[in-house]
Amino acid sequence: MDNTNENMTEDKDINKNNNVNSDDYEKICFVCRRPESRAGKMIVMPNNIYICQDCMQRTFDSINSSGINYEDMMKMSNMPGMGMFGNFGVMDSDPVPEKQKLKKKKEDKKELPALDVSKLPAPHEIKKKLDEYVIGQDYAKKVMSVAVYNHYKRVSADARILGDVEIEKSNMLMIGPTGSGKTYLVKTLARILQVPLAITDATTLTEAGYIGDDIESVVSKLLLAADNDVEKAEHGIIFIDEIDKIAKKKETRSRDVSGESVQQGMLKLLEGSEIEVPVGATSKNAMVPQVTVNTKDILFICGGAFPDLEDIIKTRLNKSSSMGFNADLKDKYDDEKNIMSYVTVDDLREYGMIPEFLGRLPIIYSLDRLDEDMLVNILKEPKNAILKQYQKLLELDEVKLEFTDDALRSIARKAMEKDTGARALRSIIEDFMLDIMYEIPKDSNIGSVTITEDVVEKKGAPVITMRA
């Protein structure tokens, strides 16, 4: 029986060695959970358990000062929790979970493709690739392309070339209504540059993690997105959405742990500092390895809808109104669709963002509100447009799907009424396409289906053409 267990254990060890190369990961202390890069050379114990020299020395010091007889302690080694110097027993799994394993740092930093200036796309090439997925928002795409290009040039530039000139980070603040494409822009940008991306929500952040996540948890998510590769994470992108929710609360007497305090705590993070983050978890209280991540080369992009900011901008613009021949009309900006394009730092300070926080986001720009024409183009033009997805699904059943121009206009008008931007398009199409997707596979003689305006408005049926 003992031989069978030993054979099973050996088989498991062989399978582990075949699936994962242990040389790619750092050894982690079983007691203090520090990686070998921080704790120093590890002492190897049975069953792939490692103990750092500090923990081992503290164990010996505790035994010597306690007056316990060493022989008596060895007799208790078979008791639970007393196996420090005895047999650890047969473990069915690795003592360090897969998600907590830490990849070793690469000595050659030139292996990162995103940091090679010769391979880094120029701003016009970045914008061209963004145009394939994101409709409109030309100004925002141009600003992002230039900022990202300058940021990674700064990261990859040789210190000897820069000399005494220190180039600051190109952190961005993106302002735009819901459904205008803020998150989608950042996701597409990270995919183009082939860098790890972490997306987090500012509404869950509180100072020191009172309720929810602490501020430094955003770096933990980036490390997880980089497969626990610190070198890779230090050149990634962090997108913090709903940043307007951490605005300074007005007329509050209690400590603002989810507003101004979060902004204060993020200052060093945005500027660049060494952060101790847990590996495989978002809380520092978890018994997991800790690793140091430097944020000086991480690009931070903050985004938010800032719903009441329009009124602040209008109030500022209308202050110039007065009586006289050269005076502006008081309601001149009331019907302005893209009033956010007039935003200034003073408007954001009035909204509740502290000046120190805004100073670390030097690039501020706004996204346009989507109109009917833009929504129609979003339906059909991008590489992964919603219509193309449905057409491909029916193409697998050898059925051609077509939409009339009136149908597309009707879908866009319905989306405008919902006032949730491009997010409304999918739900509207899902509503009238449900029965069509259910009925089409029943008849193999159907050759094509045409969606008209009556189908969208639920006043008629689609035009079905049978095969010849």
Protein backbone atom coordinates (compact mmCIF):
# COMPACT_ATOMS: atom_id res chain seq x y z
CA MET A 1 0.00 0.00 0.00
CA ASP A 2 2.83 2.38 0.84
CA ASN A 3 4.53 1.56 -2.46
CA THR A 4 1.33 2.37 -4.36
CA ASN A 5 1.10 5.79 -2.70
CA GLU A 6 4.73 6.47 -3.48
CA ASN A 7 4.22 5.56 -7.15
CA MET A 8 1.14 7.79 -7.38
CA THR A 9 3.08 10.67 -5.84
CA GLU A 10 5.94 10.19 -8.29
CA ASP A 11 3.49 10.18 -11.22
CA LYS A 12 1.97 13.44 -10.02
CA ASP A 13 5.40 15.01 -9.70
CA ILE A 14 6.30 13.87 -13.22
CA ASN A 15 3.08 15.34 -14.63
CA LYS A 16 3.75 18.61 -12.86
CA ASN A 17 7.22 18.81 -14.30
CA ASN A 18 5.88 18.12 -17.78
CA ASN A 19 3.16 20.79 -17.60
CA VAL A 20 5.00 23.60 -15.85
CA ASN A 21 8.67 24.39 -15.99
CA SER A 22 9.56 25.19 -12.37
CA ASP A 23 12.67 27.07 -13.48
CA ASP A 24 10.42 29.82 -14.91
CA TYR A 25 8.94 30.58 -11.47
CA GLU A 26 10.50 31.89 -8.29
CA LYS A 27 10.80 29.78 -5.15
CA ILE A 28 8.45 31.08 -2.44
CA CYS A 29 9.00 30.69 1.31
CA PHE A 30 6.41 28.39 2.86
CA VAL A 31 6.34 30.48 6.07
CA CYS A 32 6.61 34.17 5.17
CA ARG A 33 5.49 33.81 1.51
CA ARG A 34 8.31 35.98 0.18
CA PRO A 35 9.82 35.17 -3.23
CA GLU A 36 13.48 34.18 -3.57
CA SER A 37 14.33 37.52 -5.23
CA ARG A 38 13.50 39.28 -1.94
CA ALA A 39 14.19 36.68 0.75
CA GLY A 40 17.43 35.29 -0.63
CA LYS A 41 18.48 31.70 -1.27
CA MET A 42 15.93 29.12 -0.13
CA ILE A 43 16.42 25.93 1.87
CA VAL A 44 14.82 23.04 -0.01
CA MET A 45 12.51 20.78 2.01
CA PRO A 46 10.61 17.65 0.91
CA ASN A 47 7.57 17.94 -1.40
CA ASN A 48 8.76 21.14 -3.13
CA ILE A 49 8.55 23.20 0.06
CA TYR A 50 11.05 26.02 0.49
CA ILE A 51 12.03 27.91 3.64
CA CYS A 52 14.02 31.14 3.57
CA GLN A 53 17.08 31.47 5.77
CA ASP A 54 15.45 34.16 7.94
CA CYS A 55 12.45 31.99 8.82
CA MET A 56 14.66 28.99 9.45
CA GLN A 57 16.94 31.00 11.74
CA ARG A 58 13.96 32.45 13.64
CA THR A 59 12.65 28.90 14.11
CA PHE A 60 15.95 27.73 15.60
CA ASP A 61 16.15 30.83 17.83
CA SER A 62 12.61 30.19 19.12
CA ILE A 63 13.47 26.57 19.91
CA ASN A 64 16.70 27.49 21.73
CA SER A 65 15.05 30.24 23.82
CA SER A 66 11.99 28.15 24.71
CA GLY A 67 13.94 25.46 26.54
CA ILE A 68 12.14 22.62 24.74
CA ASN A 69 14.08 19.38 24.53
CA TYR A 70 14.92 18.69 20.90
CA GLU A 71 14.37 14.92 21.28
CA ASP A 72 10.91 15.50 22.79
CA MET A 73 10.01 17.81 19.93
CA MET A 74 11.04 15.19 17.38
CA LYS A 75 8.67 12.71 19.03
CA MET A 76 5.82 15.17 18.42
CA SER A 77 6.73 15.61 14.75
CA ASN A 78 3.91 13.29 13.70
CA MET A 79 1.31 15.57 15.30
CA PRO A 80 -0.54 18.05 13.03
CA GLY A 81 1.43 21.27 12.60
CA MET A 82 4.60 19.81 14.16
CA GLY A 83 6.31 18.66 10.98
CA MET A 84 8.85 21.45 10.60
CA PHE A 85 11.78 19.06 10.99
CA GLY A 86 10.00 15.76 10.43
CA ASN A 87 8.18 14.33 7.45
CA PHE A 88 5.93 16.84 5.71
CA GLY A 89 3.71 14.01 4.53
CA VAL A 90 2.50 13.37 1.03
CA MET A 91 0.86 16.43 -0.48
CA ASP A 92 -1.70 15.98 -3.27
CA SER A 93 -1.07 19.42 -4.72
CA ASP A 94 1.60 22.05 -5.03
CA PRO A 95 1.97 24.03 -1.74
CA VAL A 96 1.84 27.25 -3.81
CA PRO A 97 -1.38 27.62 -5.88
CA GLU A 98 -1.00 28.26 -9.59
CA LYS A 99 -2.40 31.79 -9.43
CA GLN A 100 0.12 32.77 -6.74
CA LYS A 101 3.21 31.64 -8.61
CA LEU A 102 5.58 34.42 -9.57
CA LYS A 103 7.54 34.42 -12.82
CA LYS A 104 11.23 35.24 -12.63
CA LYS A 105 12.40 38.59 -13.99
CA LYS A 106 14.01 38.50 -17.38
CA GLU A 107 17.53 39.83 -17.41
CA ASP A 108 17.29 41.02 -21.02
CA LYS A 109 14.75 43.85 -21.11
CA LYS A 110 15.02 44.18 -24.87
CA GLU A 111 12.82 41.10 -25.31
CA LEU A 112 9.68 43.17 -24.76
CA PRO A 113 8.29 43.98 -28.24
CA ALA A 114 6.23 46.97 -27.08
CA LEU A 115 9.38 48.79 -25.93
CA ASP A 116 11.27 48.46 -29.19
CA VAL A 117 11.04 51.92 -30.82
CA SER A 118 11.66 50.43 -34.26
CA LYS A 119 8.60 48.18 -33.84
CA LEU A 120 6.42 50.73 -32.04
CA PRO A 121 3.71 52.02 -34.42
CA ALA A 122 3.80 55.74 -35.22
CA PRO A 123 0.85 57.87 -34.01
CA HIS A 124 -0.85 57.86 -37.43
CA GLU A 125 -0.54 54.06 -37.60
CA ILE A 126 -2.02 53.67 -34.12
CA LYS A 127 -4.95 55.91 -35.08
CA LYS A 128 -5.46 54.00 -38.33
CA LYS A 129 -5.79 50.74 -36.40
CA LEU A 130 -8.15 52.37 -33.91
CA ASP A 131 -10.29 53.55 -36.84
CA GLU A 132 -10.87 49.92 -37.80
CA TYR A 133 -12.68 49.25 -34.51
CA VAL A 134 -13.90 52.62 -33.18
CA ILE A 135 -16.20 54.88 -35.21
CA GLY A 136 -15.84 58.65 -34.87
CA GLN A 137 -14.02 60.23 -31.91
CA ASP A 138 -11.22 61.39 -34.24
CA TYR A 139 -9.86 63.98 -31.80
CA ALA A 140 -9.78 61.51 -28.90
CA LYS A 141 -8.04 58.87 -31.01
CA LYS A 142 -5.45 61.39 -32.18
CA VAL A 143 -4.71 62.51 -28.61
CA MET A 144 -4.40 58.91 -27.36
CA SER A 145 -2.15 57.89 -30.24
CA VAL A 146 0.32 60.71 -29.61
CA ALA A 147 0.27 60.29 -25.81
CA VAL A 148 0.85 56.52 -25.95
CA TYR A 149 3.60 56.85 -28.56
CA ASN A 150 5.43 59.47 -26.47
CA HIS A 151 5.00 57.40 -23.31
CA TYR A 152 6.59 54.24 -24.71
CA LYS A 153 9.34 56.25 -26.40
CA ARG A 154 10.12 57.67 -22.97
CA VAL A 155 10.13 54.18 -21.42
CA SER A 156 12.41 52.66 -24.04
CA ALA A 157 14.77 55.62 -24.44
CA ASP A 158 18.34 55.15 -23.23
CA ALA A 159 19.27 57.26 -20.21
CA ARG A 160 22.44 58.35 -22.03
CA ILE A 161 20.35 59.82 -24.85
CA LEU A 162 17.99 61.69 -22.51
CA GLY A 163 20.86 63.09 -20.44
CA ASP A 164 19.62 65.54 -17.82
CA VAL A 165 16.19 65.89 -19.47
CA GLU A 166 13.51 64.03 -17.50
CA ILE A 167 10.37 63.34 -19.50
CA GLU A 168 7.20 63.15 -17.42
CA LYS A 169 4.52 60.50 -17.76
CA SER A 170 1.66 60.98 -20.23
CA ASN A 171 -1.21 59.94 -17.95
CA MET A 172 -4.62 60.74 -19.43
CA LEU A 173 -8.08 61.79 -18.24
CA MET A 174 -10.85 60.81 -20.65
CA ILE A 175 -14.24 62.51 -20.29
CA GLY A 176 -17.28 61.30 -22.18
CA PRO A 177 -20.91 60.22 -21.79
CA THR A 178 -21.81 56.59 -21.15
CA GLY A 179 -21.58 54.35 -24.19
CA SER A 180 -19.29 56.70 -26.13
CA GLY A 181 -16.44 54.16 -26.32
CA LYS A 182 -14.05 55.01 -23.47
CA THR A 183 -13.38 51.46 -22.32
CA TYR A 184 -13.43 50.07 -25.84
CA LEU A 185 -10.79 52.58 -26.95
CA VAL A 186 -8.42 51.52 -24.17
CA LYS A 187 -8.99 47.79 -24.81
CA THR A 188 -8.27 48.24 -28.52
CA LEU A 189 -5.17 50.31 -27.75
CA ALA A 190 -3.73 47.63 -25.45
CA ARG A 191 -4.39 44.97 -28.09
CA ILE A 192 -2.59 47.00 -30.76
CA LEU A 193 0.47 47.60 -28.56
CA GLN A 194 0.48 44.04 -27.13
CA VAL A 195 0.85 45.21 -23.54
CA PRO A 196 -1.01 43.93 -20.43
CA LEU A 197 -4.13 45.88 -19.49
CA ALA A 198 -5.96 46.10 -16.18
CA ILE A 199 -9.43 47.66 -16.03
CA THR A 200 -10.79 48.61 -12.64
CA ASP A 201 -13.70 50.59 -11.29
CA ALA A 202 -13.02 53.57 -9.04
CA THR A 203 -16.34 53.04 -7.21
CA THR A 204 -14.86 50.03 -5.37
CA LEU A 205 -11.78 51.92 -4.13
CA THR A 206 -11.56 53.29 -0.61
CA GLU A 207 -8.70 54.66 1.45
CA ALA A 208 -6.70 51.72 2.90
CA GLY A 209 -9.51 49.38 1.85
CA TYR A 210 -12.05 50.35 4.55
CA ILE A 211 -14.84 48.70 2.54
CA GLY A 212 -13.92 47.25 -0.84
CA ASP A 213 -10.49 47.39 -2.46
CA ASP A 214 -7.57 49.53 -1.40
CA ILE A 215 -5.91 51.90 -3.87
CA GLU A 216 -2.94 49.66 -4.63
CA SER A 217 -5.20 46.77 -5.67
CA VAL A 218 -5.26 48.24 -9.20
CA VAL A 219 -1.59 47.28 -9.55
CA SER A 220 -2.38 43.75 -8.34
CA LYS A 221 -4.90 43.39 -11.18
CA LEU A 222 -2.29 44.50 -13.70
CA LEU A 223 0.20 41.97 -12.31
CA LEU A 224 -2.45 39.26 -12.71
CA ALA A 225 -3.10 40.37 -16.31
CA ALA A 226 0.65 40.06 -16.96
CA ASP A 227 0.70 36.43 -15.71
CA ASN A 228 2.56 37.53 -12.57
CA ASP A 229 5.46 38.78 -14.71
CA VAL A 230 6.67 41.93 -12.90
CA GLU A 231 8.82 43.05 -15.83
CA LYS A 232 5.84 42.89 -18.17
CA ALA A 233 3.44 44.54 -15.70
CA GLU A 234 5.74 47.51 -15.19
CA HIS A 235 5.17 48.50 -18.84
CA GLY A 236 1.41 47.91 -18.95
CA ILE A 237 -1.68 50.12 -18.96
CA ILE A 238 -4.13 50.65 -16.09
CA PHE A 239 -7.57 52.03 -16.97
CA ILE A 240 -9.54 53.37 -14.00
CA ASP A 241 -13.17 53.84 -15.01
CA GLU A 242 -15.84 55.86 -13.20
CA ILE A 243 -13.15 58.22 -11.92
CA ASP A 244 -15.79 60.92 -11.38
CA LYS A 245 -17.19 58.84 -8.48
CA ILE A 246 -14.17 59.69 -6.29
CA ALA A 247 -14.81 63.43 -6.55
CA LYS A 248 -14.58 65.35 -3.28
CA LYS A 249 -17.87 65.14 -1.41
CA LYS A 250 -19.46 68.49 -0.66
CA GLU A 251 -20.85 69.34 2.75
CA THR A 252 -19.55 66.27 4.56
CA ARG A 253 -18.30 66.27 8.15
CA SER A 254 -17.04 62.69 8.24
CA ARG A 255 -13.80 61.41 6.73
CA ASP A 256 -14.19 61.14 2.96
CA VAL A 257 -12.65 57.66 2.59
CA SER A 258 -14.09 57.04 -0.88
CA GLY A 259 -13.63 60.51 -2.35
CA GLU A 260 -10.82 62.97 -1.68
CA SER A 261 -8.86 60.39 0.34
CA VAL A 262 -8.72 58.07 -2.67
CA GLN A 263 -7.45 60.93 -4.85
CA GLN A 264 -4.76 61.69 -2.28
CA GLY A 265 -3.75 58.05 -2.10
CA MET A 266 -3.43 57.76 -5.87
CA LEU A 267 -0.96 60.64 -6.22
CA LYS A 268 2.19 58.56 -5.71
CA LEU A 269 0.70 55.77 -7.79
CA LEU A 270 0.17 58.06 -10.79
CA GLU A 271 3.51 59.83 -10.44
CA GLY A 272 5.57 56.68 -10.03
CA SER A 273 6.62 54.79 -6.91
CA GLU A 274 7.49 51.29 -5.71
CA ILE A 275 4.39 49.49 -4.51
CA GLU A 276 4.25 46.29 -2.47
CA VAL A 277 1.47 44.19 -3.99
CA PRO A 278 0.24 40.66 -3.23
CA VAL A 279 0.59 37.98 -5.92
CA GLY A 280 -2.69 36.28 -6.86
CA ALA A 281 -4.83 38.42 -4.54
CA THR A 282 -6.01 42.02 -4.17
CA SER A 283 -5.70 42.23 -0.39
CA LYS A 284 -2.40 42.61 1.43
CA ASN A 285 -3.85 40.77 4.42
CA ALA A 286 -3.98 37.52 2.42
CA MET A 287 -1.21 35.01 3.14
CA VAL A 288 0.29 35.26 -0.33
CA PRO A 289 3.71 36.33 -1.63
CA GLN A 290 4.46 40.06 -1.81
CA VAL A 291 6.33 41.60 -4.73
CA THR A 292 7.54 45.12 -5.51
CA VAL A 293 6.17 46.81 -8.64
CA ASN A 294 7.48 50.18 -9.84
CA THR A 295 4.69 52.32 -11.37
CA LYS A 296 6.90 54.97 -12.97
CA ASP A 297 6.55 53.34 -16.42
CA ILE A 298 2.90 52.24 -16.09
CA LEU A 299 0.52 54.34 -18.18
CA PHE A 300 -2.60 55.38 -16.27
CA ILE A 301 -5.76 56.29 -18.18
CA CYS A 302 -8.70 57.57 -16.15
CA GLY A 303 -12.20 57.82 -17.56
CA GLY A 304 -15.56 59.04 -16.39
CA ALA A 305 -18.92 60.39 -17.54
CA PHE A 306 -18.94 63.38 -15.12
CA PRO A 307 -22.76 63.78 -15.39
CA ASP A 308 -23.14 67.19 -13.73
CA LEU A 309 -20.03 68.71 -15.32
CA GLU A 310 -22.05 70.08 -18.26
CA ASP A 311 -23.90 72.50 -15.97
CA ILE A 312 -20.60 73.76 -14.51
CA ILE A 313 -19.20 74.38 -18.00
CA LYS A 314 -22.37 76.18 -19.14
CA THR A 315 -22.34 78.38 -16.04
CA ARG A 316 -18.74 79.40 -16.71
CA LEU A 317 -19.36 80.09 -20.39
CA ASN A 318 -22.52 82.08 -19.74
CA LYS A 319 -20.74 84.38 -17.25
CA SER A 320 -19.49 86.42 -20.19
CA SER A 321 -23.09 87.23 -21.14
CA SER A 322 -24.08 90.82 -20.47
CA MET A 323 -26.09 93.58 -22.06
CA GLY A 324 -24.65 95.32 -25.10
CA PHE A 325 -24.02 94.84 -28.79
CA ASN A 326 -21.07 92.44 -28.33
CA ALA A 327 -22.68 90.33 -25.60
CA ASP A 328 -23.35 86.60 -26.03
CA LEU A 329 -26.82 85.18 -25.63
CA LYS A 330 -27.44 83.60 -22.23
CA ASP A 331 -28.77 80.43 -23.84
CA LYS A 332 -26.03 80.23 -26.48
CA TYR A 333 -24.58 76.95 -25.13
CA ASP A 334 -27.82 75.33 -23.94
CA ASP A 335 -28.24 73.31 -27.15
CA GLU A 336 -24.54 72.53 -27.61
CA LYS A 337 -24.30 68.72 -28.05
CA ASN A 338 -20.60 68.42 -27.26
CA ILE A 339 -20.38 70.88 -24.40
CA MET A 340 -17.73 68.64 -22.78
CA SER A 341 -15.22 69.76 -25.42
CA TYR A 342 -15.05 73.15 -23.61
CA VAL A 343 -13.90 71.57 -20.32
CA THR A 344 -11.00 73.13 -18.41
CA VAL A 345 -9.06 72.18 -15.30
CA ASP A 346 -11.01 74.80 -13.33
CA ASP A 347 -14.27 73.08 -14.23
CA LEU A 348 -12.95 69.77 -12.94
CA ARG A 349 -11.77 71.42 -9.71
CA GLU A 350 -15.26 72.84 -9.28
CA TYR A 351 -16.64 69.34 -9.80
CA GLY A 352 -14.57 68.00 -6.88
CA MET A 353 -11.26 66.79 -8.30
CA ILE A 354 -8.30 68.06 -6.26
CA PRO A 355 -5.60 70.06 -8.13
CA GLU A 356 -2.79 67.65 -7.13
CA PHE A 357 -4.67 64.78 -8.78
CA LEU A 358 -5.36 66.74 -11.97
CA GLY A 359 -1.71 67.81 -12.10
CA ARG A 360 -0.69 64.16 -12.54
CA LEU A 361 -3.11 63.75 -15.46
CA PRO A 362 -1.64 66.31 -17.87
CA ILE A 363 -3.61 65.14 -20.94
CA ILE A 364 -7.34 65.88 -20.63
CA TYR A 365 -9.72 65.36 -23.54
CA SER A 366 -13.39 64.60 -24.17
CA LEU A 367 -15.34 62.19 -26.34
CA ASP A 368 -18.26 63.32 -28.51
CA ARG A 369 -21.81 62.27 -27.74
CA LEU A 370 -22.97 59.73 -30.33
CA ASP A 371 -25.56 60.92 -32.86
CA GLU A 372 -27.78 58.90 -35.19
CA ASP A 373 -25.30 58.79 -38.08
CA MET A 374 -22.50 57.56 -35.80
CA LEU A 375 -24.73 54.83 -34.38
CA VAL A 376 -25.60 53.61 -37.89
CA ASN A 377 -21.90 53.46 -38.76
CA ILE A 378 -21.15 51.62 -35.52
CA LEU A 379 -23.68 48.98 -36.55
CA LYS A 380 -22.01 48.11 -39.83
CA GLU A 381 -18.48 49.53 -40.27
CA PRO A 382 -16.11 48.24 -37.52
CA LYS A 383 -14.25 44.96 -38.01
CA ASN A 384 -16.34 43.33 -35.30
CA ALA A 385 -19.57 45.26 -35.97
CA ILE A 386 -22.75 43.83 -34.44
CA LEU A 387 -24.34 43.24 -37.85
CA LYS A 388 -21.26 41.38 -39.08
CA GLN A 389 -21.46 39.10 -36.04
CA TYR A 390 -25.07 38.13 -36.78
CA GLN A 391 -24.35 37.74 -40.49
CA LYS A 392 -21.48 35.38 -39.66
CA LEU A 393 -23.68 33.35 -37.30
CA LEU A 394 -26.34 32.82 -39.99
CA GLU A 395 -23.65 32.25 -42.61
CA LEU A 396 -22.71 29.12 -40.66
CA ASP A 397 -26.25 27.89 -41.45
CA GLU A 398 -25.71 28.94 -45.10
CA VAL A 399 -28.24 31.77 -44.76
CA LYS A 400 -27.57 35.34 -45.93
CA LEU A 401 -28.66 38.12 -43.56
CA GLU A 402 -29.30 41.65 -44.84
CA PHE A 403 -30.52 44.90 -43.25
CA THR A 404 -32.20 47.75 -45.12
CA ASP A 405 -31.04 51.32 -44.54
CA ASP A 406 -34.42 52.19 -42.98
CA ALA A 407 -33.99 49.33 -40.52
CA LEU A 408 -30.57 50.62 -39.44
CA ARG A 409 -31.97 54.13 -38.98
CA SER A 410 -34.79 52.75 -36.87
CA ILE A 411 -32.33 50.84 -34.63
CA ALA A 412 -30.24 54.02 -34.22
CA ARG A 413 -33.30 56.09 -33.27
CA LYS A 414 -34.33 53.56 -30.64
CA ALA A 415 -30.78 53.65 -29.22
CA MET A 416 -30.89 57.46 -29.07
CA GLU A 417 -34.08 57.27 -27.00
CA LYS A 418 -32.43 54.97 -24.45
CA ASP A 419 -29.57 57.50 -24.04
CA THR A 420 -27.01 54.84 -23.17
CA GLY A 421 -24.85 55.23 -26.27
CA ALA A 422 -23.64 52.25 -28.27
CA ARG A 423 -24.52 49.85 -25.43
CA ALA A 424 -28.19 50.07 -26.41
CA LEU A 425 -27.62 48.74 -29.94
CA ARG A 426 -27.04 45.13 -28.95
CA SER A 427 -30.10 44.87 -26.71
CA ILE A 428 -32.34 46.32 -29.42
CA ILE A 429 -31.09 43.87 -32.06
CA GLU A 430 -31.30 40.93 -29.65
CA ASP A 431 -34.95 41.79 -29.05
CA PHE A 432 -36.19 41.35 -32.65
CA MET A 433 -33.57 38.79 -33.74
CA LEU A 434 -34.53 36.21 -31.10
CA ASP A 435 -37.41 34.66 -33.05
CA ILE A 436 -35.45 34.81 -36.31
CA MET A 437 -32.45 32.98 -34.86
CA TYR A 438 -34.84 30.41 -33.37
CA GLU A 439 -36.88 29.72 -36.52
CA ILE A 440 -34.20 29.82 -39.26
CA PRO A 441 -32.48 26.49 -38.39
CA LYS A 442 -35.86 24.69 -38.69
CA ASP A 443 -35.99 25.04 -42.50
CA SER A 444 -32.87 24.20 -44.53
CA ASN A 445 -34.46 25.68 -47.69
CA ILE A 446 -34.17 29.30 -46.47
CA GLY A 447 -31.54 31.15 -48.51
CA SER A 448 -31.68 34.74 -47.20
CA VAL A 449 -33.40 36.93 -44.61
CA THR A 450 -33.90 40.68 -45.00
CA ILE A 451 -34.62 42.84 -41.93
CA THR A 452 -36.82 45.86 -42.70
CA GLU A 453 -37.96 48.81 -40.63
CA ASP A 454 -41.27 47.03 -39.89
CA VAL A 455 -39.35 44.18 -38.23
CA VAL A 456 -37.49 46.61 -35.95
CA GLU A 457 -40.71 48.42 -35.09
CA LYS A 458 -42.47 45.04 -34.62
CA LYS A 459 -45.06 45.84 -37.28
CA GLY A 460 -44.18 43.09 -39.73
CA ALA A 461 -42.16 39.98 -40.50
CA PRO A 462 -38.76 39.72 -42.21
CA VAL A 463 -38.52 39.07 -45.94
CA ILE A 464 -37.48 35.44 -46.42
CA THR A 465 -36.13 34.16 -49.74
CA MET A 466 -35.98 30.44 -50.40
CA ARG A 467 -33.11 28.72 -52.18
CA ALA A 468 -33.34 28.35 -55.96
